[in-house]
N, C-alpha and C. Protein backbone atom coordinates (compact mmCIF):
# COMPACT_ATOMS: atom_id res chain seq x y z
N MET A 1 -13.28 4.71 1.30
CA MET A 1 -13.31 3.39 1.45
C MET A 1 -12.75 2.66 -0.08
N PRO A 2 -11.51 2.05 -0.14
CA PRO A 2 -11.10 1.66 -1.42
C PRO A 2 -11.74 0.50 -2.10
N PRO A 3 -12.11 0.59 -3.33
CA PRO A 3 -13.17 -0.40 -3.85
C PRO A 3 -12.09 -1.68 -4.02
N GLN A 4 -12.30 -2.93 -4.53
CA GLN A 4 -11.38 -4.01 -4.99
C GLN A 4 -10.62 -3.54 -6.21
N SER A 5 -11.11 -2.63 -7.02
CA SER A 5 -10.28 -2.55 -8.10
C SER A 5 -8.99 -1.51 -8.02
N VAL A 6 -8.99 -0.91 -6.51
CA VAL A 6 -7.90 -0.12 -6.23
C VAL A 6 -6.48 -0.60 -6.47
N GLN A 7 -5.77 0.07 -6.78
CA GLN A 7 -4.24 -0.20 -6.84
C GLN A 7 -3.68 0.03 -5.58
N LEU A 8 -3.19 -1.09 -4.83
CA LEU A 8 -2.45 -0.68 -3.62
C LEU A 8 -0.67 -0.91 -3.96
N THR A 9 -0.09 -0.21 -3.34
CA THR A 9 1.34 -0.43 -3.19
C THR A 9 1.85 -0.60 -1.83
N ILE A 10 2.40 -1.74 -1.75
CA ILE A 10 3.03 -2.50 -0.22
C ILE A 10 4.50 -2.40 -0.26
N TYR A 11 5.02 -1.49 0.38
CA TYR A 11 6.57 -1.51 0.68
C TYR A 11 7.05 -2.22 1.77
N CYS A 12 7.97 -3.17 1.53
CA CYS A 12 8.25 -4.06 2.76
C CYS A 12 9.65 -3.28 3.15
N LEU A 13 9.67 -2.77 4.05
CA LEU A 13 11.06 -2.32 4.75
C LEU A 13 11.86 -3.16 5.56
N CYS A 14 12.81 -3.36 5.03
CA CYS A 14 13.80 -4.67 5.76
C CYS A 14 15.35 -3.96 5.72
N ALA A 15 16.07 -4.88 5.92
CA ALA A 15 17.69 -4.43 6.15
C ALA A 15 18.51 -5.72 5.82
N ALA A 16 19.47 -5.73 5.04
CA ALA A 16 20.42 -6.59 4.38
C ALA A 16 20.73 -7.47 5.56
N TRP A 17 21.12 -7.09 6.68
CA TRP A 17 21.71 -7.66 7.88
C TRP A 17 20.66 -8.39 8.85
N CYS A 18 19.27 -7.95 8.26
CA CYS A 18 18.50 -8.85 9.11
C CYS A 18 17.80 -10.11 8.74
N ARG A 19 18.00 -11.29 9.67
CA ARG A 19 17.77 -12.40 9.21
C ARG A 19 16.08 -13.01 9.23
N THR A 20 15.45 -12.12 9.92
CA THR A 20 14.05 -12.27 9.87
C THR A 20 13.60 -11.86 8.36
N CYS A 21 14.21 -10.81 7.96
CA CYS A 21 13.84 -10.18 6.71
C CYS A 21 14.24 -11.10 5.64
N ASP A 22 15.47 -12.06 5.80
CA ASP A 22 15.89 -13.01 4.73
C ASP A 22 14.96 -14.06 4.77
N ALA A 23 14.42 -14.37 5.79
CA ALA A 23 13.02 -15.28 5.96
C ALA A 23 11.93 -14.81 5.32
N TYR A 24 11.74 -13.58 5.33
CA TYR A 24 10.47 -12.95 4.77
C TYR A 24 10.52 -12.79 3.48
N VAL A 25 11.71 -12.97 2.69
CA VAL A 25 11.67 -12.65 1.30
C VAL A 25 10.47 -13.88 0.46
N GLU A 26 10.59 -14.97 0.84
CA GLU A 26 9.80 -16.33 0.31
C GLU A 26 8.55 -15.76 0.56
N VAL A 27 8.13 -15.24 1.77
CA VAL A 27 6.77 -14.96 2.01
C VAL A 27 6.37 -13.76 1.06
N PHE A 28 7.30 -12.89 0.95
CA PHE A 28 6.75 -11.56 0.27
C PHE A 28 6.55 -12.11 -1.24
N GLU A 29 7.59 -12.91 -1.71
CA GLU A 29 7.34 -13.28 -3.18
C GLU A 29 5.98 -13.95 -3.44
N SER A 30 5.66 -14.90 -2.09
CA SER A 30 4.32 -15.71 -2.60
C SER A 30 3.03 -14.56 -2.55
N LEU A 31 3.34 -13.57 -1.47
CA LEU A 31 2.41 -12.49 -1.56
C LEU A 31 2.17 -11.93 -2.76
N LYS A 32 3.14 -11.34 -3.57
CA LYS A 32 3.07 -10.99 -4.87
C LYS A 32 2.29 -11.80 -5.94
N GLN A 33 2.57 -13.27 -5.77
CA GLN A 33 1.93 -14.18 -6.63
C GLN A 33 0.13 -14.15 -6.35
N ALA A 34 0.04 -13.81 -5.05
CA ALA A 34 -1.45 -14.09 -4.67
C ALA A 34 -2.17 -12.69 -5.16
N TRP A 35 -1.64 -11.64 -5.44
CA TRP A 35 -2.15 -10.27 -5.89
C TRP A 35 -1.59 -9.72 -7.10
N PRO A 36 -1.50 -10.60 -8.04
CA PRO A 36 -0.79 -9.91 -9.38
C PRO A 36 -1.07 -8.75 -10.12
N ARG A 37 -2.72 -8.50 -9.83
CA ARG A 37 -2.85 -7.23 -10.55
C ARG A 37 -3.39 -5.92 -9.75
N ASN A 38 -3.78 -6.08 -8.73
CA ASN A 38 -4.11 -4.81 -7.96
C ASN A 38 -3.10 -4.55 -6.89
N VAL A 39 -2.19 -5.22 -6.61
CA VAL A 39 -1.16 -4.90 -5.65
C VAL A 39 0.24 -5.03 -6.03
N SER A 40 1.06 -3.91 -6.01
CA SER A 40 2.32 -3.75 -6.43
C SER A 40 3.06 -3.95 -5.18
N TRP A 41 4.22 -4.83 -5.08
CA TRP A 41 4.83 -5.21 -3.83
C TRP A 41 6.24 -4.82 -3.89
N VAL A 42 6.81 -3.96 -3.49
CA VAL A 42 8.21 -3.37 -3.44
C VAL A 42 8.98 -3.53 -2.27
N TRP A 43 9.96 -4.28 -2.46
CA TRP A 43 10.93 -4.47 -1.39
C TRP A 43 12.11 -3.23 -1.22
N VAL A 44 12.35 -2.50 -0.05
CA VAL A 44 13.26 -1.46 0.30
C VAL A 44 14.00 -1.87 1.16
N ASP A 45 15.39 -2.01 0.90
CA ASP A 45 16.64 -2.01 2.14
C ASP A 45 16.59 -0.44 2.56
N ILE A 46 16.48 -0.59 3.86
CA ILE A 46 16.32 0.81 4.43
C ILE A 46 17.67 1.47 4.68
N GLU A 47 18.82 0.78 4.27
CA GLU A 47 20.27 1.27 4.40
C GLU A 47 20.42 1.74 2.91
N ASP A 48 19.96 0.81 2.14
CA ASP A 48 20.55 1.41 0.70
C ASP A 48 19.62 2.84 0.24
N HIS A 49 18.26 2.95 0.99
CA HIS A 49 17.55 3.98 0.73
C HIS A 49 17.28 4.87 1.79
N ALA A 50 18.15 5.03 2.70
CA ALA A 50 18.04 5.84 3.86
C ALA A 50 17.58 7.15 3.75
N ASP A 51 18.10 7.89 2.29
CA ASP A 51 17.73 9.19 1.92
C ASP A 51 16.13 9.45 1.79
N LEU A 52 15.45 7.97 1.30
CA LEU A 52 14.09 8.16 1.22
C LEU A 52 13.40 8.17 2.50
N LEU A 53 13.99 7.57 3.54
CA LEU A 53 13.28 7.55 4.84
C LEU A 53 13.30 8.74 5.49
N ASP A 54 14.24 9.71 5.59
CA ASP A 54 14.24 11.08 6.00
C ASP A 54 14.10 10.92 7.45
N ASP A 55 12.94 11.37 8.06
CA ASP A 55 12.57 11.32 9.73
C ASP A 55 12.05 10.15 10.01
N VAL A 56 11.53 9.38 9.32
CA VAL A 56 11.00 8.07 9.52
C VAL A 56 11.96 6.86 10.07
N ASP A 57 11.64 6.43 11.34
CA ASP A 57 12.48 5.45 12.01
C ASP A 57 11.65 4.06 11.51
N VAL A 58 12.58 3.13 11.35
CA VAL A 58 11.92 1.69 11.22
C VAL A 58 12.96 0.98 12.36
N GLU A 59 12.09 0.62 13.14
CA GLU A 59 12.76 -0.11 14.49
C GLU A 59 12.49 -1.47 14.42
N ASN A 60 11.61 -2.10 13.68
CA ASN A 60 11.53 -3.47 13.72
C ASN A 60 11.32 -4.11 12.29
N PHE A 61 11.60 -5.45 12.03
CA PHE A 61 11.35 -5.84 10.86
C PHE A 61 10.78 -7.17 10.83
N PRO A 62 10.28 -7.44 9.77
CA PRO A 62 9.84 -6.58 8.51
C PRO A 62 8.54 -5.58 8.95
N SER A 63 8.70 -4.27 8.31
CA SER A 63 7.76 -3.29 8.53
C SER A 63 7.20 -3.11 7.18
N LEU A 64 5.68 -2.88 7.11
CA LEU A 64 4.98 -2.76 5.94
C LEU A 64 4.52 -1.25 5.97
N LEU A 65 4.43 -0.70 4.53
CA LEU A 65 3.74 0.56 4.50
C LEU A 65 2.90 0.28 3.28
N VAL A 66 1.61 0.54 3.62
CA VAL A 66 0.41 0.11 2.57
C VAL A 66 -0.18 1.35 2.24
N THR A 67 -0.21 1.50 0.89
CA THR A 67 -0.64 2.75 0.25
C THR A 67 -1.53 2.57 -0.96
N SER A 68 -2.10 3.60 -1.22
CA SER A 68 -2.81 3.70 -2.41
C SER A 68 -3.07 5.12 -2.94
N GLY A 69 -2.21 5.43 -4.06
CA GLY A 69 -2.14 6.72 -4.46
C GLY A 69 -1.56 7.74 -3.29
N GLU A 70 -2.00 8.61 -2.85
CA GLU A 70 -1.68 9.53 -1.98
C GLU A 70 -2.14 9.06 -0.42
N TYR A 71 -2.87 8.12 -0.32
CA TYR A 71 -3.40 7.50 0.89
C TYR A 71 -2.35 6.51 1.67
N VAL A 72 -2.04 6.72 2.93
CA VAL A 72 -1.45 5.68 3.69
C VAL A 72 -2.44 5.04 4.52
N TYR A 73 -2.54 3.66 4.55
CA TYR A 73 -3.64 3.05 5.33
C TYR A 73 -2.56 2.26 6.63
N PHE A 74 -1.59 1.90 6.30
CA PHE A 74 -0.97 1.16 7.30
C PHE A 74 0.70 1.41 7.23
N PHE A 75 1.58 1.56 8.44
CA PHE A 75 2.71 1.59 8.41
C PHE A 75 3.21 1.07 9.93
N GLY A 76 3.75 -0.14 9.73
CA GLY A 76 4.49 -0.78 11.00
C GLY A 76 4.75 -2.20 10.92
N PRO A 77 5.48 -2.50 11.95
CA PRO A 77 6.01 -3.90 11.74
C PRO A 77 4.91 -5.17 11.72
N VAL A 78 5.20 -6.05 10.95
CA VAL A 78 4.32 -7.38 11.00
C VAL A 78 5.04 -8.60 11.41
N LEU A 79 4.37 -9.53 11.94
CA LEU A 79 4.91 -10.95 11.99
C LEU A 79 5.05 -11.42 10.69
N PRO A 80 6.26 -12.11 10.71
CA PRO A 80 6.61 -12.35 9.21
C PRO A 80 6.07 -13.68 8.81
N GLN A 81 4.65 -13.60 8.69
CA GLN A 81 4.09 -14.87 8.26
C GLN A 81 2.73 -14.31 7.30
N LYS A 82 2.68 -15.02 6.07
CA LYS A 82 2.02 -14.69 5.27
C LYS A 82 0.29 -14.23 5.50
N ALA A 83 0.01 -15.22 6.46
CA ALA A 83 -1.53 -14.92 6.90
C ALA A 83 -1.78 -13.32 7.40
N ILE A 84 -0.54 -12.86 8.12
CA ILE A 84 -0.66 -11.54 8.79
C ILE A 84 -0.90 -10.30 7.43
N ALA A 85 0.09 -10.55 6.65
CA ALA A 85 0.13 -9.70 5.47
C ALA A 85 -1.30 -9.76 4.59
N THR A 86 -1.53 -11.11 4.43
CA THR A 86 -2.87 -11.36 3.62
C THR A 86 -4.04 -10.72 4.32
N GLN A 87 -4.21 -10.86 5.42
CA GLN A 87 -5.55 -10.20 6.35
C GLN A 87 -5.43 -8.73 6.37
N LEU A 88 -4.16 -8.14 6.15
CA LEU A 88 -4.08 -6.64 6.08
C LEU A 88 -4.64 -6.23 4.85
N VAL A 89 -4.02 -6.83 3.85
CA VAL A 89 -4.56 -6.47 2.54
C VAL A 89 -5.82 -6.49 2.04
N GLU A 90 -6.62 -7.74 2.61
CA GLU A 90 -7.78 -7.99 2.53
C GLU A 90 -8.66 -6.82 3.29
N ARG A 91 -8.38 -6.48 4.45
CA ARG A 91 -8.86 -5.48 5.30
C ARG A 91 -8.87 -4.01 4.74
N VAL A 92 -7.70 -3.71 3.95
CA VAL A 92 -7.69 -2.45 3.12
C VAL A 92 -8.48 -2.69 1.86
N LEU A 93 -8.34 -3.43 1.19
CA LEU A 93 -9.11 -3.78 -0.13
C LEU A 93 -10.71 -3.67 0.35
N ALA A 94 -11.02 -4.33 1.46
CA ALA A 94 -12.73 -4.45 1.96
C ALA A 94 -12.95 -2.94 2.42
N GLY A 95 -12.15 -1.87 2.45
CA GLY A 95 -12.38 -0.76 3.18
C GLY A 95 -12.51 -0.55 4.64
N LYS A 96 -11.90 -1.50 5.33
CA LYS A 96 -11.98 -1.63 6.91
C LYS A 96 -10.89 -0.87 7.36
N ILE A 97 -10.15 -0.38 6.85
CA ILE A 97 -9.04 0.34 7.29
C ILE A 97 -9.15 1.67 6.73
N ASP A 98 -9.20 2.88 7.60
CA ASP A 98 -9.17 4.14 6.97
C ASP A 98 -7.81 4.47 6.84
N PRO A 99 -7.68 5.66 5.94
CA PRO A 99 -6.32 6.22 5.65
C PRO A 99 -6.02 6.82 6.79
N GLN A 100 -4.44 6.78 7.06
CA GLN A 100 -3.81 7.40 8.43
C GLN A 100 -3.71 8.90 7.72
N GLU A 101 -3.72 9.93 8.83
CA GLU A 101 -3.43 11.30 8.34
C GLU A 101 -2.41 11.56 9.11
N VAL A 102 -1.08 11.05 8.79
CA VAL A 102 0.14 11.24 9.47
C VAL A 102 1.34 11.83 8.12
N ASN A 103 1.44 13.25 8.62
CA ASN A 103 2.56 13.90 7.31
C ASN A 103 3.61 13.60 7.23
N ALA A 104 4.16 12.73 8.10
CA ALA A 104 5.51 12.21 7.92
C ALA A 104 5.31 10.85 7.01
N LEU A 105 4.39 10.42 7.18
CA LEU A 105 4.14 8.77 6.35
C LEU A 105 3.62 9.26 4.87
N GLN A 106 2.67 10.24 5.01
CA GLN A 106 2.26 10.84 3.38
C GLN A 106 3.56 11.25 2.72
N ALA A 107 4.45 11.98 3.41
CA ALA A 107 5.74 12.29 2.63
C ALA A 107 6.61 11.17 2.32
N LEU A 108 6.59 10.54 3.27
CA LEU A 108 7.42 8.94 2.78
C LEU A 108 6.77 8.36 1.75
N ASN A 109 5.46 8.17 1.78
CA ASN A 109 4.55 7.45 0.41
C ASN A 109 4.99 8.20 -0.67
N GLN A 110 5.01 9.67 -0.60
CA GLN A 110 5.18 10.46 -1.90
C GLN A 110 6.67 10.17 -2.41
N ARG A 111 7.96 10.18 -1.26
CA ARG A 111 9.15 10.02 -1.87
C ARG A 111 9.38 8.59 -2.39
N PHE A 112 8.62 7.66 -1.84
CA PHE A 112 9.02 6.06 -2.35
C PHE A 112 8.20 6.33 -3.97
N PHE A 113 6.89 6.80 -3.95
CA PHE A 113 6.44 6.87 -5.31
C PHE A 113 7.08 7.57 -6.25
N ASN A 114 8.00 8.79 -5.81
CA ASN A 114 8.56 9.25 -6.77
C ASN A 114 10.13 8.69 -7.09
N SER A 115 10.42 7.84 -6.56
CA SER A 115 11.53 7.01 -6.62
C SER A 115 11.58 5.84 -7.64
N ALA A 116 12.55 5.20 -7.93
CA ALA A 116 12.79 4.20 -9.03
C ALA A 116 12.49 2.87 -8.25
N LEU A 117 11.97 2.80 -7.30
CA LEU A 117 11.98 1.41 -6.40
C LEU A 117 10.69 0.76 -6.89
N HIS A 118 9.83 1.02 -7.69
CA HIS A 118 8.76 0.16 -8.03
C HIS A 118 9.12 -0.83 -9.12
N GLY A 119 8.69 -2.03 -8.59
CA GLY A 119 8.80 -3.28 -9.77
C GLY A 119 10.09 -3.98 -9.19
N LYS A 120 10.67 -3.78 -8.25
CA LYS A 120 12.16 -4.44 -7.93
C LYS A 120 11.82 -5.47 -6.88
N SER A 121 12.45 -6.79 -7.10
CA SER A 121 12.33 -7.84 -6.28
C SER A 121 13.33 -7.86 -5.35
N PRO A 122 13.00 -8.54 -4.29
CA PRO A 122 14.22 -8.53 -3.16
C PRO A 122 15.68 -8.80 -3.65
N GLN A 123 15.88 -9.64 -4.67
CA GLN A 123 17.11 -9.84 -5.02
C GLN A 123 17.75 -8.66 -6.04
N GLN A 124 17.04 -7.78 -6.52
CA GLN A 124 17.28 -6.65 -7.20
C GLN A 124 17.61 -5.61 -6.21
N ILE A 125 17.36 -5.64 -5.09
CA ILE A 125 17.34 -4.34 -4.17
C ILE A 125 18.51 -4.93 -3.14
């Protein structure tokens, strides 16, 4: 169970051609403002970073990958609403979601962690 002081990294997997993702940029930026200290928010264009995805398919947008260190707590599409992501983050921080033990997602998390994606905003990617 992660304590409130845990550092989460949340990757938003989107595509430049996706109009839903365009609309989610504003939501994503407001989420970054809500948790400036213990959550890092990383925007990932799946076409620009297809090499990092390897065998993980992203079928719906936006999709979030919620991680802390080596642990993956969530991977999947979310409705493009701030309240949905807010509830997800709060549940992970409260220890109400257990880490997933899916090798492909753990490997994806490691590839993202080792890449130069951290700290980039949607406009930079």
